[in-house]
Amino acid sequence: MLLFVFNFLSLHQNSNSMEAVAGIKYTKSPKGNKRYVRVDLDMYGENQLLEDFLDMIDIEARNGEPTYPFEEVMKAEFERRGLEYNV
């Protein structure tokens, strides 16, 4: 069973109303708080809402990283490959 684990702290800190769902398991901290959720990707891997949620986690993790203009990146890549970049 393929599982994906992501930090669950920001979701439902005190959610006692969460019901058991097939393919989704919660891991608790030593204090008993829900900390992680494991999602069976064989069951939910094609779920668009889950994909969007995981994309948002990735975006948040990259917040504050430097950004580069597309043209600058393309020009550098073409030069690296020894090609001429014409826009």
N, C-alpha and C. Protein backbone atom coordinates (compact mmCIF):
# COMPACT_ATOMS: atom_id res chain seq x y z
N MET A 1 0.86 -1.17 0.00
CA MET A 1 0.00 0.00 0.00
C MET A 1 0.90 1.23 0.00
N LEU A 2 0.71 2.08 -0.99
CA LEU A 2 1.50 3.31 -1.11
C LEU A 2 0.86 4.38 -0.24
N LEU A 3 1.66 4.96 0.65
CA LEU A 3 1.13 5.97 1.57
C LEU A 3 1.90 7.27 1.43
N PHE A 4 1.22 8.35 1.62
CA PHE A 4 1.85 9.66 1.61
C PHE A 4 1.57 10.29 2.96
N VAL A 5 2.62 10.81 3.59
CA VAL A 5 2.46 11.40 4.92
C VAL A 5 2.73 12.89 4.83
N PHE A 6 1.84 13.71 5.34
CA PHE A 6 2.09 15.15 5.39
C PHE A 6 1.65 15.70 6.74
N ASN A 7 2.27 16.79 7.12
CA ASN A 7 2.03 17.39 8.43
C ASN A 7 0.57 17.81 8.55
N PHE A 8 -0.04 17.46 9.65
CA PHE A 8 -1.47 17.66 9.85
C PHE A 8 -1.75 18.73 10.90
N LEU A 9 -0.71 19.43 11.35
CA LEU A 9 -0.90 20.40 12.43
C LEU A 9 -1.87 21.50 12.09
N SER A 10 -1.83 22.00 10.87
CA SER A 10 -2.65 23.16 10.52
C SER A 10 -4.11 22.82 10.28
N LEU A 11 -4.44 21.56 10.27
CA LEU A 11 -5.82 21.15 10.01
C LEU A 11 -6.51 20.69 11.29
N HIS A 12 -7.64 21.23 11.59
CA HIS A 12 -8.51 20.72 12.65
C HIS A 12 -7.74 20.36 13.91
N GLN A 13 -7.15 21.34 14.55
CA GLN A 13 -6.33 21.09 15.74
C GLN A 13 -7.07 20.26 16.79
N ASN A 14 -8.32 20.59 17.04
CA ASN A 14 -9.06 19.80 18.02
C ASN A 14 -10.31 19.24 17.37
N SER A 15 -10.10 18.40 16.39
CA SER A 15 -11.25 17.82 15.68
C SER A 15 -11.53 16.43 16.23
N ASN A 16 -12.44 16.34 17.15
CA ASN A 16 -12.85 15.04 17.67
C ASN A 16 -13.97 14.47 16.83
N SER A 17 -14.48 15.27 15.89
CA SER A 17 -15.61 14.84 15.08
C SER A 17 -15.19 14.10 13.82
N MET A 18 -13.84 13.93 13.59
CA MET A 18 -13.40 13.25 12.39
C MET A 18 -13.74 11.77 12.47
N GLU A 19 -14.40 11.27 11.46
CA GLU A 19 -14.79 9.87 11.43
C GLU A 19 -13.75 9.07 10.66
N ALA A 20 -13.67 7.76 10.93
CA ALA A 20 -12.75 6.89 10.22
C ALA A 20 -13.18 6.78 8.77
N VAL A 21 -12.21 6.92 7.87
CA VAL A 21 -12.46 6.82 6.44
C VAL A 21 -11.48 5.80 5.88
N ALA A 22 -11.96 4.90 5.03
CA ALA A 22 -11.09 3.88 4.45
C ALA A 22 -9.94 4.53 3.71
N GLY A 23 -8.71 4.05 3.96
CA GLY A 23 -7.54 4.56 3.27
C GLY A 23 -6.94 5.80 3.88
N ILE A 24 -7.50 6.29 4.98
CA ILE A 24 -6.97 7.48 5.65
C ILE A 24 -6.79 7.15 7.12
N LYS A 25 -5.54 7.33 7.61
CA LYS A 25 -5.24 7.04 9.01
C LYS A 25 -4.56 8.26 9.63
N TYR A 26 -4.84 8.50 10.89
CA TYR A 26 -4.27 9.61 11.61
C TYR A 26 -3.22 9.11 12.59
N THR A 27 -2.14 9.85 12.74
CA THR A 27 -1.11 9.56 13.73
C THR A 27 -1.14 10.69 14.74
N LYS A 28 -1.11 10.32 16.01
CA LYS A 28 -1.21 11.33 17.07
C LYS A 28 0.14 11.61 17.70
N SER A 29 0.25 12.80 18.25
CA SER A 29 1.45 13.20 18.99
C SER A 29 1.42 12.49 20.35
N PRO A 30 2.54 12.55 21.09
CA PRO A 30 2.53 11.94 22.43
C PRO A 30 1.46 12.53 23.35
N LYS A 31 1.03 13.77 23.07
CA LYS A 31 -0.03 14.39 23.87
C LYS A 31 -1.42 13.99 23.42
N GLY A 32 -1.50 13.21 22.33
CA GLY A 32 -2.79 12.74 21.84
C GLY A 32 -3.42 13.62 20.77
N ASN A 33 -2.72 14.66 20.34
CA ASN A 33 -3.25 15.52 19.27
C ASN A 33 -2.99 14.88 17.91
N LYS A 34 -3.93 15.03 17.00
CA LYS A 34 -3.73 14.52 15.65
C LYS A 34 -2.63 15.34 14.99
N ARG A 35 -1.59 14.67 14.51
CA ARG A 35 -0.42 15.37 13.99
C ARG A 35 -0.20 15.09 12.51
N TYR A 36 -0.40 13.88 12.07
CA TYR A 36 -0.19 13.50 10.67
C TYR A 36 -1.39 12.72 10.17
N VAL A 37 -1.56 12.80 8.87
CA VAL A 37 -2.58 11.97 8.23
C VAL A 37 -1.87 11.18 7.12
N ARG A 38 -2.17 9.91 7.04
CA ARG A 38 -1.61 9.06 5.98
C ARG A 38 -2.74 8.76 5.00
N VAL A 39 -2.47 9.05 3.73
CA VAL A 39 -3.48 8.87 2.69
C VAL A 39 -3.01 7.77 1.75
N ASP A 40 -3.83 6.76 1.56
CA ASP A 40 -3.52 5.67 0.65
C ASP A 40 -3.67 6.19 -0.78
N LEU A 41 -2.53 6.37 -1.47
CA LEU A 41 -2.59 6.92 -2.83
C LEU A 41 -3.12 5.93 -3.84
N ASP A 42 -3.11 4.64 -3.51
CA ASP A 42 -3.76 3.67 -4.41
C ASP A 42 -5.26 3.93 -4.46
N MET A 43 -5.81 4.42 -3.35
CA MET A 43 -7.25 4.71 -3.29
C MET A 43 -7.57 6.14 -3.72
N TYR A 44 -6.71 7.10 -3.33
CA TYR A 44 -7.04 8.50 -3.51
C TYR A 44 -6.06 9.26 -4.40
N GLY A 45 -5.13 8.57 -5.04
CA GLY A 45 -4.10 9.22 -5.83
C GLY A 45 -4.62 10.03 -7.00
N GLU A 46 -5.78 9.71 -7.51
CA GLU A 46 -6.35 10.42 -8.65
C GLU A 46 -7.39 11.46 -8.22
N ASN A 47 -7.42 11.77 -6.94
CA ASN A 47 -8.39 12.71 -6.39
C ASN A 47 -7.90 14.14 -6.62
N GLN A 48 -8.63 14.92 -7.39
CA GLN A 48 -8.22 16.29 -7.74
C GLN A 48 -8.15 17.19 -6.51
N LEU A 49 -9.07 17.04 -5.58
CA LEU A 49 -9.05 17.87 -4.37
C LEU A 49 -7.79 17.58 -3.55
N LEU A 50 -7.42 16.31 -3.42
CA LEU A 50 -6.20 15.95 -2.69
C LEU A 50 -4.98 16.51 -3.41
N GLU A 51 -4.94 16.39 -4.73
CA GLU A 51 -3.82 16.96 -5.51
C GLU A 51 -3.71 18.45 -5.28
N ASP A 52 -4.83 19.16 -5.31
CA ASP A 52 -4.82 20.61 -5.09
C ASP A 52 -4.31 20.94 -3.68
N PHE A 53 -4.76 20.17 -2.70
CA PHE A 53 -4.34 20.39 -1.32
C PHE A 53 -2.83 20.20 -1.19
N LEU A 54 -2.30 19.12 -1.77
CA LEU A 54 -0.86 18.86 -1.70
C LEU A 54 -0.07 19.92 -2.45
N ASP A 55 -0.62 20.41 -3.57
CA ASP A 55 0.02 21.50 -4.30
C ASP A 55 0.11 22.75 -3.43
N MET A 56 -0.94 23.04 -2.67
CA MET A 56 -0.94 24.21 -1.79
C MET A 56 0.10 24.07 -0.68
N ILE A 57 0.28 22.86 -0.17
CA ILE A 57 1.32 22.62 0.84
C ILE A 57 2.69 22.90 0.23
N ASP A 58 2.91 22.43 -1.00
CA ASP A 58 4.18 22.66 -1.68
C ASP A 58 4.42 24.14 -1.93
N ILE A 59 3.38 24.84 -2.36
CA ILE A 59 3.49 26.28 -2.61
C ILE A 59 3.85 27.01 -1.32
N GLU A 60 3.18 26.67 -0.23
CA GLU A 60 3.46 27.32 1.06
C GLU A 60 4.88 27.04 1.51
N ALA A 61 5.37 25.82 1.29
CA ALA A 61 6.74 25.47 1.69
C ALA A 61 7.77 26.27 0.90
N ARG A 62 7.42 26.68 -0.32
CA ARG A 62 8.35 27.43 -1.16
C ARG A 62 8.20 28.95 -1.01
N ASN A 63 7.31 29.38 -0.16
CA ASN A 63 7.08 30.80 0.07
C ASN A 63 8.37 31.46 0.51
N GLY A 64 8.72 32.55 -0.13
CA GLY A 64 9.93 33.28 0.23
C GLY A 64 11.16 32.89 -0.57
N GLU A 65 11.06 31.81 -1.36
CA GLU A 65 12.20 31.44 -2.21
C GLU A 65 12.34 32.47 -3.32
N PRO A 66 13.56 32.65 -3.82
CA PRO A 66 13.73 33.62 -4.92
C PRO A 66 13.01 33.15 -6.18
N THR A 67 12.56 34.12 -6.96
CA THR A 67 11.92 33.81 -8.24
C THR A 67 12.74 34.43 -9.36
N TYR A 68 12.60 33.87 -10.55
CA TYR A 68 13.36 34.34 -11.70
C TYR A 68 12.41 34.50 -12.88
N PRO A 69 12.60 35.54 -13.68
CA PRO A 69 11.76 35.72 -14.86
C PRO A 69 11.95 34.55 -15.84
N PHE A 70 10.87 34.14 -16.46
CA PHE A 70 10.89 33.02 -17.39
C PHE A 70 11.93 33.22 -18.49
N GLU A 71 11.95 34.42 -19.07
CA GLU A 71 12.89 34.70 -20.17
C GLU A 71 14.34 34.52 -19.72
N GLU A 72 14.64 34.95 -18.50
CA GLU A 72 15.99 34.82 -17.96
C GLU A 72 16.38 33.35 -17.81
N VAL A 73 15.46 32.54 -17.31
CA VAL A 73 15.71 31.11 -17.12
C VAL A 73 15.90 30.43 -18.48
N MET A 74 15.04 30.75 -19.44
CA MET A 74 15.14 30.14 -20.76
C MET A 74 16.46 30.51 -21.45
N LYS A 75 16.84 31.78 -21.36
CA LYS A 75 18.08 32.23 -21.97
C LYS A 75 19.27 31.49 -21.37
N ALA A 76 19.31 31.37 -20.04
CA ALA A 76 20.40 30.67 -19.36
C ALA A 76 20.45 29.20 -19.76
N GLU A 77 19.28 28.58 -19.88
CA GLU A 77 19.24 27.15 -20.26
C GLU A 77 19.72 26.95 -21.69
N PHE A 78 19.30 27.81 -22.60
CA PHE A 78 19.76 27.71 -23.98
C PHE A 78 21.27 27.89 -24.05
N GLU A 79 21.78 28.88 -23.32
CA GLU A 79 23.23 29.11 -23.30
C GLU A 79 23.96 27.92 -22.72
N ARG A 80 23.42 27.31 -21.69
CA ARG A 80 24.04 26.14 -21.07
C ARG A 80 24.15 24.99 -22.07
N ARG A 81 23.17 24.89 -22.94
CA ARG A 81 23.15 23.82 -23.95
C ARG A 81 23.88 24.23 -25.23
N GLY A 82 24.41 25.44 -25.27
CA GLY A 82 25.12 25.89 -26.45
C GLY A 82 24.21 26.25 -27.60
N LEU A 83 22.98 26.63 -27.30
CA LEU A 83 22.01 27.00 -28.34
C LEU A 83 21.77 28.50 -28.32
N GLU A 84 21.24 29.00 -29.42
CA GLU A 84 20.92 30.43 -29.50
C GLU A 84 19.45 30.61 -29.14
N TYR A 85 19.19 31.55 -28.24
CA TYR A 85 17.83 31.81 -27.80
C TYR A 85 17.30 33.04 -28.50
N ASN A 86 16.29 32.85 -29.35
CA ASN A 86 15.64 33.95 -30.08
C ASN A 86 14.21 34.07 -29.64
N VAL A 87 13.86 35.24 -29.16
CA VAL A 87 12.48 35.47 -28.71
C VAL A 87 11.70 36.15 -29.82
